[in-house]
Amino acid sequence: MHANRKSLPFAIVTSVSGSPSEPNTSHFTVLRGALVGASQAVWILEPEDRNVRRERGLTVLTVMYAQTDKYYGFLESTPLDAADRASLVDQRRWLTERRGDA
């Protein structure tokens, strides 16, 4: 780094062409996923009572299934080819059965 440049929280990345580009922060997305997963695991497994652990695990599954259903609902409104639409129908059927909505 040149002596006259100020220190930045992120290094400025220079592209192949030599011009500065935006810093890459995509690794924060990956880290967030890892942190959420680890936090959920600690929250689920922390109690000594197995019934509490089971209830917490089922709570996480219930939320995950609800979020998946929202995503599938969004996908229904997008243009899909016949094979993808059939796959989506199958996935929604599986989710409904898994949740016990059937």
PDB file of N, CA and C in Angstrom:
ATOM      1  N   MET A   1       0.852  -1.171   0.000  1.00  0.00           N
ATOM      2  CA  MET A   1       0.000   0.000   0.000  1.00  0.00           C
ATOM      3  C   MET A   1       0.894   1.228   0.000  1.00  0.00           C
ATOM      4  N   HIS A   2       0.486   2.238  -0.745  1.00  0.00           N
ATOM      5  CA  HIS A   2       1.266   3.460  -0.800  1.00  0.00           C
ATOM      6  C   HIS A   2       1.177   4.204   0.524  1.00  0.00           C
ATOM      7  N   ALA A   3       2.205   4.931   0.860  1.00  0.00           N
ATOM      8  CA  ALA A   3       2.264   5.646   2.135  1.00  0.00           C
ATOM      9  C   ALA A   3       1.209   6.735   2.237  1.00  0.00           C
ATOM     10  N   ASN A   4       0.772   7.287   1.119  1.00  0.00           N
ATOM     11  CA  ASN A   4      -0.200   8.370   1.181  1.00  0.00           C
ATOM     12  C   ASN A   4      -1.652   7.888   1.174  1.00  0.00           C
ATOM     13  N   ARG A   5      -1.892   6.595   1.054  1.00  0.00           N
ATOM     14  CA  ARG A   5      -3.257   6.062   1.089  1.00  0.00           C
ATOM     15  C   ARG A   5      -3.676   5.777   2.518  1.00  0.00           C
ATOM     16  N   LYS A   6      -4.936   6.030   2.792  1.00  0.00           N
ATOM     17  CA  LYS A   6      -5.470   5.707   4.108  1.00  0.00           C
ATOM     18  C   LYS A   6      -5.825   4.223   4.154  1.00  0.00           C
ATOM     19  N   SER A   7      -5.776   3.661   5.338  1.00  0.00           N
ATOM     20  CA  SER A   7      -6.142   2.268   5.511  1.00  0.00           C
ATOM     21  C   SER A   7      -7.656   2.140   5.404  1.00  0.00           C
ATOM     22  N   LEU A   8      -8.122   1.179   4.617  1.00  0.00           N
ATOM     23  CA  LEU A   8      -9.548   0.951   4.442  1.00  0.00           C
ATOM     24  C   LEU A   8      -9.943  -0.334   5.153  1.00  0.00           C
ATOM     25  N   PRO A   9     -11.213  -0.414   5.606  1.00  0.00           N
ATOM     26  CA  PRO A   9     -11.638  -1.651   6.256  1.00  0.00           C
ATOM     27  C   PRO A   9     -11.606  -2.841   5.308  1.00  0.00           C
ATOM     28  N   PHE A  10     -11.814  -2.602   4.029  1.00  0.00           N
ATOM     29  CA  PHE A  10     -11.717  -3.646   3.021  1.00  0.00           C
ATOM     30  C   PHE A  10     -10.623  -3.240   2.047  1.00  0.00           C
ATOM     31  N   ALA A  11      -9.856  -4.176   1.633  1.00  0.00           N
ATOM     32  CA  ALA A  11      -8.829  -3.874   0.635  1.00  0.00           C
ATOM     33  C   ALA A  11      -9.508  -3.596  -0.698  1.00  0.00           C
ATOM     34  N   ILE A  12      -9.033  -2.616  -1.405  1.00  0.00           N
ATOM     35  CA  ILE A  12      -9.573  -2.359  -2.736  1.00  0.00           C
ATOM     36  C   ILE A  12      -8.927  -3.356  -3.678  1.00  0.00           C
ATOM     37  N   VAL A  13      -9.775  -4.098  -4.349  1.00  0.00           N
ATOM     38  CA  VAL A  13      -9.306  -5.139  -5.247  1.00  0.00           C
ATOM     39  C   VAL A  13      -9.076  -4.517  -6.610  1.00  0.00           C
ATOM     40  N   THR A  14      -7.972  -4.832  -7.198  1.00  0.00           N
ATOM     41  CA  THR A  14      -7.671  -4.337  -8.534  1.00  0.00           C
ATOM     42  C   THR A  14      -8.009  -5.432  -9.527  1.00  0.00           C
ATOM     43  N   SER A  15      -8.816  -5.096 -10.510  1.00  0.00           N
ATOM     44  CA  SER A  15      -9.216  -6.073 -11.509  1.00  0.00           C
ATOM     45  C   SER A  15      -8.042  -6.364 -12.443  1.00  0.00           C
ATOM     46  N   VAL A  16      -8.252  -7.312 -13.329  1.00  0.00           N
ATOM     47  CA  VAL A  16      -7.217  -7.694 -14.279  1.00  0.00           C
ATOM     48  C   VAL A  16      -6.810  -6.500 -15.139  1.00  0.00           C
ATOM     49  N   SER A  17      -7.779  -5.628 -15.439  1.00  0.00           N
ATOM     50  CA  SER A  17      -7.475  -4.475 -16.286  1.00  0.00           C
ATOM     51  C   SER A  17      -6.696  -3.401 -15.537  1.00  0.00           C
ATOM     52  N   GLY A  18      -6.564  -3.543 -14.217  1.00  0.00           N
ATOM     53  CA  GLY A  18      -5.806  -2.579 -13.435  1.00  0.00           C
ATOM     54  C   GLY A  18      -6.658  -1.519 -12.775  1.00  0.00           C
ATOM     55  N   SER A  19      -7.972  -1.511 -13.055  1.00  0.00           N
ATOM     56  CA  SER A  19      -8.835  -0.511 -12.412  1.00  0.00           C
ATOM     57  C   SER A  19      -9.396  -1.076 -11.114  1.00  0.00           C
ATOM     58  N   PRO A  20      -9.608  -0.209 -10.117  1.00  0.00           N
ATOM     59  CA  PRO A  20     -10.138  -0.704  -8.843  1.00  0.00           C
ATOM     60  C   PRO A  20     -11.566  -1.216  -9.005  1.00  0.00           C
ATOM     61  N   SER A  21     -11.913  -2.227  -8.248  1.00  0.00           N
ATOM     62  CA  SER A  21     -13.274  -2.757  -8.263  1.00  0.00           C
ATOM     63  C   SER A  21     -13.783  -2.813  -6.830  1.00  0.00           C
ATOM     64  N   GLU A  22     -15.054  -3.110  -6.694  1.00  0.00           N
ATOM     65  CA  GLU A  22     -15.667  -3.198  -5.366  1.00  0.00           C
ATOM     66  C   GLU A  22     -15.047  -4.344  -4.577  1.00  0.00           C
ATOM     67  N   PRO A  23     -14.946  -4.177  -3.252  1.00  0.00           N
ATOM     68  CA  PRO A  23     -14.433  -5.286  -2.441  1.00  0.00           C
ATOM     69  C   PRO A  23     -15.409  -6.459  -2.463  1.00  0.00           C
ATOM     70  N   ASN A  24     -14.896  -7.642  -2.390  1.00  0.00           N
ATOM     71  CA  ASN A  24     -15.721  -8.839  -2.408  1.00  0.00           C
ATOM     72  C   ASN A  24     -16.195  -9.141  -0.999  1.00  0.00           C
ATOM     73  N   THR A  25     -17.492  -9.057  -0.787  1.00  0.00           N
ATOM     74  CA  THR A  25     -18.062  -9.348   0.532  1.00  0.00           C
ATOM     75  C   THR A  25     -18.926 -10.599   0.504  1.00  0.00           C
ATOM     76  N   SER A  26     -18.847 -11.389  -0.556  1.00  0.00           N
ATOM     77  CA  SER A  26     -19.706 -12.566  -0.668  1.00  0.00           C
ATOM     78  C   SER A  26     -19.438 -13.580   0.437  1.00  0.00           C
ATOM     79  N   HIS A  27     -18.225 -13.598   0.968  1.00  0.00           N
ATOM     80  CA  HIS A  27     -17.926 -14.555   2.032  1.00  0.00           C
ATOM     81  C   HIS A  27     -18.767 -14.290   3.280  1.00  0.00           C
ATOM     82  N   PHE A  28     -19.272 -13.075   3.465  1.00  0.00           N
ATOM     83  CA  PHE A  28     -20.130 -12.792   4.620  1.00  0.00           C
ATOM     84  C   PHE A  28     -21.438 -13.568   4.527  1.00  0.00           C
ATOM     85  N   THR A  29     -21.932 -13.792   3.315  1.00  0.00           N
ATOM     86  CA  THR A  29     -23.151 -14.580   3.129  1.00  0.00           C
ATOM     87  C   THR A  29     -22.923 -16.009   3.600  1.00  0.00           C
ATOM     88  N   VAL A  30     -21.808 -16.570   3.234  1.00  0.00           N
ATOM     89  CA  VAL A  30     -21.474 -17.932   3.647  1.00  0.00           C
ATOM     90  C   VAL A  30     -21.293 -17.993   5.161  1.00  0.00           C
ATOM     91  N   LEU A  31     -20.605 -17.007   5.709  1.00  0.00           N
ATOM     92  CA  LEU A  31     -20.382 -16.988   7.153  1.00  0.00           C
ATOM     93  C   LEU A  31     -21.697 -16.856   7.917  1.00  0.00           C
ATOM     94  N   ARG A  32     -22.623 -16.054   7.391  1.00  0.00           N
ATOM     95  CA  ARG A  32     -23.911 -15.895   8.057  1.00  0.00           C
ATOM     96  C   ARG A  32     -24.645 -17.234   8.121  1.00  0.00           C
ATOM     97  N   GLY A  33     -24.645 -17.977   7.007  1.00  0.00           N
ATOM     98  CA  GLY A  33     -25.293 -19.287   6.991  1.00  0.00           C
ATOM     99  C   GLY A  33     -24.680 -20.241   8.003  1.00  0.00           C
ATOM    100  N   ALA A  34     -23.362 -20.229   8.090  1.00  0.00           N
ATOM    101  CA  ALA A  34     -22.679 -21.098   9.054  1.00  0.00           C
ATOM    102  C   ALA A  34     -23.010 -20.687  10.485  1.00  0.00           C
ATOM    103  N   LEU A  35     -23.050 -19.387  10.737  1.00  0.00           N
ATOM    104  CA  LEU A  35     -23.353 -18.895  12.072  1.00  0.00           C
ATOM    105  C   LEU A  35     -24.786 -19.225  12.480  1.00  0.00           C
ATOM    106  N   VAL A  36     -25.729 -19.063  11.563  1.00  0.00           N
ATOM    107  CA  VAL A  36     -27.126 -19.396  11.866  1.00  0.00           C
ATOM    108  C   VAL A  36     -27.258 -20.883  12.152  1.00  0.00           C
ATOM    109  N   GLY A  37     -26.655 -21.716  11.303  1.00  0.00           N
ATOM    110  CA  GLY A  37     -26.733 -23.162  11.517  1.00  0.00           C
ATOM    111  C   GLY A  37     -26.115 -23.593  12.834  1.00  0.00           C
ATOM    112  N   ALA A  38     -24.952 -23.052  13.153  1.00  0.00           N
ATOM    113  CA  ALA A  38     -24.290 -23.396  14.418  1.00  0.00           C
ATOM    114  C   ALA A  38     -25.102 -22.908  15.609  1.00  0.00           C
ATOM    115  N   SER A  39     -25.682 -21.726  15.495  1.00  0.00           N
ATOM    116  CA  SER A  39     -26.491 -21.180  16.590  1.00  0.00           C
ATOM    117  C   SER A  39     -27.738 -22.024  16.820  1.00  0.00           C
ATOM    118  N   GLN A  40     -28.373 -22.452  15.731  1.00  0.00           N
ATOM    119  CA  GLN A  40     -29.546 -23.318  15.874  1.00  0.00           C
ATOM    120  C   GLN A  40     -29.167 -24.644  16.520  1.00  0.00           C
ATOM    121  N   ALA A  41     -28.027 -25.202  16.127  1.00  0.00           N
ATOM    122  CA  ALA A  41     -27.593 -26.468  16.716  1.00  0.00           C
ATOM    123  C   ALA A  41     -27.362 -26.323  18.218  1.00  0.00           C
ATOM    124  N   VAL A  42     -26.723 -25.239  18.621  1.00  0.00           N
ATOM    125  CA  VAL A  42     -26.488 -25.006  20.051  1.00  0.00           C
ATOM    126  C   VAL A  42     -27.818 -24.842  20.779  1.00  0.00           C
ATOM    127  N   TRP A  43     -28.736 -24.067  20.186  1.00  0.00           N
ATOM    128  CA  TRP A  43     -30.040 -23.824  20.814  1.00  0.00           C
ATOM    129  C   TRP A  43     -30.826 -25.122  20.948  1.00  0.00           C
ATOM    130  N   ILE A  44     -30.789 -25.971  19.915  1.00  0.00           N
ATOM    131  CA  ILE A  44     -31.530 -27.236  19.959  1.00  0.00           C
ATOM    132  C   ILE A  44     -30.920 -28.194  20.976  1.00  0.00           C
ATOM    133  N   LEU A  45     -29.603 -28.313  20.992  1.00  0.00           N
ATOM    134  CA  LEU A  45     -28.940 -29.349  21.788  1.00  0.00           C
ATOM    135  C   LEU A  45     -28.588 -28.939  23.210  1.00  0.00           C
ATOM    136  N   GLU A  46     -28.752 -27.673  23.564  1.00  0.00           N
ATOM    137  CA  GLU A  46     -28.337 -27.182  24.880  1.00  0.00           C
ATOM    138  C   GLU A  46     -29.102 -27.806  26.051  1.00  0.00           C
ATOM    139  N   PRO A  47     -30.433 -27.945  26.004  1.00  0.00           N
ATOM    140  CA  PRO A  47     -31.143 -28.474  27.173  1.00  0.00           C
ATOM    141  C   PRO A  47     -30.790 -29.938  27.461  1.00  0.00           C
ATOM    142  N   GLU A  48     -30.783 -30.276  28.723  1.00  0.00           N
ATOM    143  CA  GLU A  48     -30.531 -31.667  29.110  1.00  0.00           C
ATOM    144  C   GLU A  48     -31.757 -32.542  28.877  1.00  0.00           C
ATOM    145  N   ASP A  49     -32.932 -31.960  28.962  1.00  0.00           N
ATOM    146  CA  ASP A  49     -34.182 -32.702  28.789  1.00  0.00           C
ATOM    147  C   ASP A  49     -34.392 -33.024  27.315  1.00  0.00           C
ATOM    148  N   ARG A  50     -34.467 -34.310  26.990  1.00  0.00           N
ATOM    149  CA  ARG A  50     -34.601 -34.718  25.594  1.00  0.00           C
ATOM    150  C   ARG A  50     -35.911 -34.257  24.975  1.00  0.00           C
ATOM    151  N   ASN A  51     -36.974 -34.124  25.772  1.00  0.00           N
ATOM    152  CA  ASN A  51     -38.243 -33.644  25.229  1.00  0.00           C
ATOM    153  C   ASN A  51     -38.139 -32.192  24.776  1.00  0.00           C
ATOM    154  N   VAL A  52     -37.399 -31.387  25.520  1.00  0.00           N
ATOM    155  CA  VAL A  52     -37.184 -29.991  25.126  1.00  0.00           C
ATOM    156  C   VAL A  52     -36.353 -29.945  23.844  1.00  0.00           C
ATOM    157  N   ARG A  53     -35.315 -30.778  23.761  1.00  0.00           N
ATOM    158  CA  ARG A  53     -34.497 -30.823  22.545  1.00  0.00           C
ATOM    159  C   ARG A  53     -35.332 -31.227  21.337  1.00  0.00           C
ATOM    160  N   ARG A  54     -36.175 -32.240  21.512  1.00  0.00           N
ATOM    161  CA  ARG A  54     -37.033 -32.686  20.417  1.00  0.00           C
ATOM    162  C   ARG A  54     -37.991 -31.577  19.985  1.00  0.00           C
ATOM    163  N   GLU A  55     -38.599 -30.894  20.963  1.00  0.00           N
ATOM    164  CA  GLU A  55     -39.518 -29.797  20.651  1.00  0.00           C
ATOM    165  C   GLU A  55     -38.806 -28.679  19.894  1.00  0.00           C
ATOM    166  N   ARG A  56     -37.607 -28.358  20.313  1.00  0.00           N
ATOM    167  CA  ARG A  56     -36.846 -27.300  19.620  1.00  0.00           C
ATOM    168  C   ARG A  56     -36.474 -27.718  18.205  1.00  0.00           C
ATOM    169  N   GLY A  57     -36.087 -28.969  18.031  1.00  0.00           N
ATOM    170  CA  GLY A  57     -35.778 -29.460  16.688  1.00  0.00           C
ATOM    171  C   GLY A  57     -36.993 -29.407  15.781  1.00  0.00           C
ATOM    172  N   LEU A  58     -38.144 -29.796  16.315  1.00  0.00           N
ATOM    173  CA  LEU A  58     -39.373 -29.738  15.525  1.00  0.00           C
ATOM    174  C   LEU A  58     -39.770 -28.295  15.217  1.00  0.00           C
ATOM    175  N   THR A  59     -39.482 -27.392  16.133  1.00  0.00           N
ATOM    176  CA  THR A  59     -39.762 -25.972  15.885  1.00  0.00           C
ATOM    177  C   THR A  59     -38.945 -25.462  14.707  1.00  0.00           C
ATOM    178  N   VAL A  60     -37.662 -25.810  14.670  1.00  0.00           N
ATOM    179  CA  VAL A  60     -36.804 -25.391  13.560  1.00  0.00           C
ATOM    180  C   VAL A  60     -37.314 -25.993  12.249  1.00  0.00           C
ATOM    181  N   LEU A  61     -37.709 -27.258  12.266  1.00  0.00           N
ATOM    182  CA  LEU A  61     -38.247 -27.882  11.057  1.00  0.00           C
ATOM    183  C   LEU A  61     -39.525 -27.198  10.585  1.00  0.00           C
ATOM    184  N   THR A  62     -40.401 -26.862  11.519  1.00  0.00           N
ATOM    185  CA  THR A  62     -41.658 -26.194  11.173  1.00  0.00           C
ATOM    186  C   THR A  62     -41.397 -24.865  10.486  1.00  0.00           C
ATOM    187  N   VAL A  63     -40.466 -24.095  11.021  1.00  0.00           N
ATOM    188  CA  VAL A  63     -40.116 -22.809  10.407  1.00  0.00           C
ATOM    189  C   VAL A  63     -39.487 -23.032   9.033  1.00  0.00           C
ATOM    190  N   MET A  64     -38.606 -24.016   8.928  1.00  0.00           N
ATOM    191  CA  MET A  64     -37.959 -24.305   7.647  1.00  0.00           C
ATOM    192  C   MET A  64     -38.989 -24.706   6.599  1.00  0.00           C
ATOM    193  N   TYR A  65     -39.947 -25.552   6.969  1.00  0.00           N
ATOM    194  CA  TYR A  65     -40.979 -25.964   6.026  1.00  0.00           C
ATOM    195  C   TYR A  65     -41.850 -24.777   5.611  1.00  0.00           C
ATOM    196  N   ALA A  66     -42.160 -23.888   6.538  1.00  0.00           N
ATOM    197  CA  ALA A  66     -42.966 -22.702   6.209  1.00  0.00           C
ATOM    198  C   ALA A  66     -42.224 -21.809   5.213  1.00  0.00           C
ATOM    199  N   GLN A  67     -40.933 -21.608   5.431  1.00  0.00           N
ATOM    200  CA  GLN A  67     -40.143 -20.781   4.516  1.00  0.00           C
ATOM    201  C   GLN A  67     -40.018 -21.450   3.141  1.00  0.00           C
ATOM    202  N   THR A  68     -39.859 -22.762   3.129  1.00  0.00           N
ATOM    203  CA  THR A  68     -39.784 -23.496   1.863  1.00  0.00           C
ATOM    204  C   THR A  68     -41.094 -23.364   1.099  1.00  0.00           C
ATOM    205  N   ASP A  69     -42.218 -23.451   1.805  1.00  0.00           N
ATOM    206  CA  ASP A  69     -43.520 -23.316   1.167  1.00  0.00           C
ATOM    207  C   ASP A  69     -43.686 -21.920   0.560  1.00  0.00           C
ATOM    208  N   LYS A  70     -43.219 -20.894   1.268  1.00  0.00           N
ATOM    209  CA  LYS A  70     -43.269 -19.537   0.705  1.00  0.00           C
ATOM    210  C   LYS A  70     -42.466 -19.456  -0.590  1.00  0.00           C
ATOM    211  N   TYR A  71     -41.297 -20.064  -0.587  1.00  0.00           N
ATOM    212  CA  TYR A  71     -40.445 -20.048  -1.769  1.00  0.00           C
ATOM    213  C   TYR A  71     -41.115 -20.782  -2.930  1.00  0.00           C
ATOM    214  N   TYR A  72     -41.714 -21.940  -2.645  1.00  0.00           N
ATOM    215  CA  TYR A  72     -42.415 -22.677  -3.691  1.00  0.00           C
ATOM    216  C   TYR A  72     -43.581 -21.861  -4.233  1.00  0.00           C
ATOM    217  N   GLY A  73     -44.270 -21.135  -3.351  1.00  0.00           N
ATOM    218  CA  GLY A  73     -45.355 -20.266  -3.799  1.00  0.00           C
ATOM    219  C   GLY A  73     -44.850 -19.196  -4.748  1.00  0.00           C
ATOM    220  N   PHE A  74     -43.693 -18.625  -4.430  1.00  0.00           N
ATOM    221  CA  PHE A  74     -43.089 -17.642  -5.332  1.00  0.00           C
ATOM    222  C   PHE A  74     -42.751 -18.278  -6.679  1.00  0.00           C
ATOM    223  N   LEU A  75     -42.173 -19.484  -6.648  1.00  0.00           N
ATOM    224  CA  LEU A  75     -41.783 -20.140  -7.897  1.00  0.00           C
ATOM    225  C   LEU A  75     -42.978 -20.412  -8.796  1.00  0.00           C
ATOM    226  N   GLU A  76     -44.151 -20.646  -8.205  1.00  0.00           N
ATOM    227  CA  GLU A  76     -45.347 -20.891  -9.016  1.00  0.00           C
ATOM    228  C   GLU A  76     -45.689 -19.696  -9.898  1.00  0.00           C
ATOM    229  N   SER A  77     -45.313 -18.501  -9.448  1.00  0.00           N
ATOM    230  CA  SER A  77     -45.639 -17.291 -10.209  1.00  0.00           C
ATOM    231  C   SER A  77     -44.578 -16.954 -11.258  1.00  0.00           C
ATOM    232  N   THR A  78     -43.565 -17.791 -11.380  1.00  0.00           N
ATOM    233  CA  THR A  78     -42.508 -17.542 -12.359  1.00  0.00           C
ATOM    234  C   THR A  78     -42.715 -18.433 -13.582  1.00  0.00           C
ATOM    235  N   PRO A  79     -42.179 -18.025 -14.724  1.00  0.00           N
ATOM    236  CA  PRO A  79     -42.312 -18.871 -15.917  1.00  0.00           C
ATOM    237  C   PRO A  79     -41.399 -20.097 -15.806  1.00  0.00           C
ATOM    238  N   LEU A  80     -42.002 -21.261 -15.737  1.00  0.00           N
ATOM    239  CA  LEU A  80     -41.253 -22.520 -15.653  1.00  0.00           C
ATOM    240  C   LEU A  80     -41.625 -23.393 -16.832  1.00  0.00           C
ATOM    241  N   ASP A  81     -40.675 -24.191 -17.302  1.00  0.00           N
ATOM    242  CA  ASP A  81     -41.036 -25.153 -18.342  1.00  0.00           C
ATOM    243  C   ASP A  81     -41.802 -26.304 -17.698  1.00  0.00           C
ATOM    244  N   ALA A  82     -42.341 -27.177 -18.521  1.00  0.00           N
ATOM    245  CA  ALA A  82     -43.220 -28.245 -18.032  1.00  0.00           C
ATOM    246  C   ALA A  82     -42.517 -29.165 -17.033  1.00  0.00           C
ATOM    247  N   ALA A  83     -41.252 -29.494 -17.298  1.00  0.00           N
ATOM    248  CA  ALA A  83     -40.519 -30.401 -16.405  1.00  0.00           C
ATOM    249  C   ALA A  83     -40.289 -29.753 -15.041  1.00  0.00           C
ATOM    250  N   ASP A  84     -39.901 -28.474 -15.043  1.00  0.00           N
ATOM    251  CA  ASP A  84     -39.684 -27.774 -13.770  1.00  0.00           C
ATOM    252  C   ASP A  84     -40.988 -27.606 -13.005  1.00  0.00           C
ATOM    253  N   ARG A  85     -42.085 -27.310 -13.732  1.00  0.00           N
ATOM    254  CA  ARG A  85     -43.381 -27.155 -13.071  1.00  0.00           C
ATOM    255  C   ARG A  85     -43.816 -28.476 -12.446  1.00  0.00           C
ATOM    256  N   ALA A  86     -43.608 -29.601 -13.145  1.00  0.00           N
ATOM    257  CA  ALA A  86     -43.952 -30.919 -12.597  1.00  0.00           C
ATOM    258  C   ALA A  86     -43.108 -31.218 -11.362  1.00  0.00           C
ATOM    259  N   SER A  87     -41.829 -30.860 -11.420  1.00  0.00           N
ATOM    260  CA  SER A  87     -40.949 -31.069 -10.267  1.00  0.00           C
ATOM    261  C   SER A  87     -41.410 -30.228  -9.079  1.00  0.00           C
ATOM    262  N   LEU A  88     -41.835 -29.000  -9.349  1.00  0.00           N
ATOM    263  CA  LEU A  88     -42.332 -28.134  -8.279  1.00  0.00           C
ATOM    264  C   LEU A  88     -43.593 -28.713  -7.648  1.00  0.00           C
ATOM    265  N   VAL A  89     -44.486 -29.244  -8.472  1.00  0.00           N
ATOM    266  CA  VAL A  89     -45.707 -29.871  -7.953  1.00  0.00           C
ATOM    267  C   VAL A  89     -45.344 -31.050  -7.056  1.00  0.00           C
ATOM    268  N   ASP A  90     -44.382 -31.862  -7.498  1.00  0.00           N
ATOM    269  CA  ASP A  90     -43.936 -33.002  -6.688  1.00  0.00           C
ATOM    270  C   ASP A  90     -43.339 -32.536  -5.362  1.00  0.00           C
ATOM    271  N   GLN A  91     -42.524 -31.488  -5.412  1.00  0.00           N
ATOM    272  CA  GLN A  91     -41.906 -30.975  -4.188  1.00  0.00           C
ATOM    273  C   GLN A  91     -42.954 -30.430  -3.217  1.00  0.00           C
ATOM    274  N   ARG A  92     -43.943 -29.716  -3.738  1.00  0.00           N
ATOM    275  CA  ARG A  92     -45.004 -29.184  -2.871  1.00  0.00           C
ATOM    276  C   ARG A  92     -45.832 -30.320  -2.273  1.00  0.00           C
ATOM    277  N   ARG A  93     -46.064 -31.378  -3.038  1.00  0.00           N
ATOM    278  CA  ARG A  93     -46.804 -32.534  -2.531  1.00  0.00           C
ATOM    279  C   ARG A  93     -46.013 -33.188  -1.388  1.00  0.00           C
ATOM    280  N   TRP A  94     -44.707 -33.371  -1.609  1.00  0.00           N
ATOM    281  CA  TRP A  94     -43.859 -33.965  -0.570  1.00  0.00           C
ATOM    282  C   TRP A  94     -43.876 -33.100   0.687  1.00  0.00           C
ATOM    283  N   LEU A  95     -43.769 -31.781   0.505  1.00  0.00           N
ATOM    284  CA  LEU A  95     -43.765 -30.871   1.644  1.00  0.00           C
ATOM    285  C   LEU A  95     -45.080 -30.943   2.404  1.00  0.00           C
ATOM    286  N   THR A  96     -46.184 -30.998   1.688  1.00  0.00           N
ATOM    287  CA  THR A  96     -47.496 -31.097   2.330  1.00  0.00           C
ATOM    288  C   THR A  96     -47.603 -32.377   3.142  1.00  0.00           C
ATOM    289  N   GLU A  97     -47.153 -33.488   2.572  1.00  0.00           N
ATOM    290  CA  GLU A  97     -47.179 -34.762   3.290  1.00  0.00           C
ATOM    291  C   GLU A  97     -46.268 -34.715   4.505  1.00  0.00           C
ATOM    292  N   ARG A  98     -45.098 -34.157   4.335  1.00  0.00           N
ATOM    293  CA  ARG A  98     -44.121 -34.080   5.425  1.00  0.00           C
ATOM    294  C   ARG A  98     -44.638 -33.236   6.582  1.00  0.00           C
ATOM    295  N   ARG A  99     -45.309 -32.136   6.258  1.00  0.00           N
ATOM    296  CA  ARG A  99     -45.856 -31.249   7.293  1.00  0.00           C
ATOM    297  C   ARG A  99     -47.098 -31.848   7.948  1.00  0.00           C
ATOM    298  N   GLY A 100     -47.696 -32.851   7.305  1.00  0.00           N
ATOM    299  CA  GLY A 100     -48.908 -33.432   7.869  1.00  0.00           C
ATOM    300  C   GLY A 100     -50.154 -32.660   7.482  1.00  0.00           C
ATOM    301  N   ASP A 101     -50.079 -31.866   6.405  1.00  0.00           N
ATOM    302  CA  ASP A 101     -51.222 -31.079   5.957  1.00  0.00           C
ATOM    303  C   ASP A 101     -52.203 -31.908   5.126  1.00  0.00           C
ATOM    304  N   ALA A 102     -51.762 -33.092   4.702  1.00  0.00           N
ATOM    305  CA  ALA A 102     -52.585 -33.879   3.771  1.00  0.00           C
ATOM    306  C   ALA A 102     -53.807 -34.456   4.449  1.00  0.00           C
TER     307      ALA A 102
END
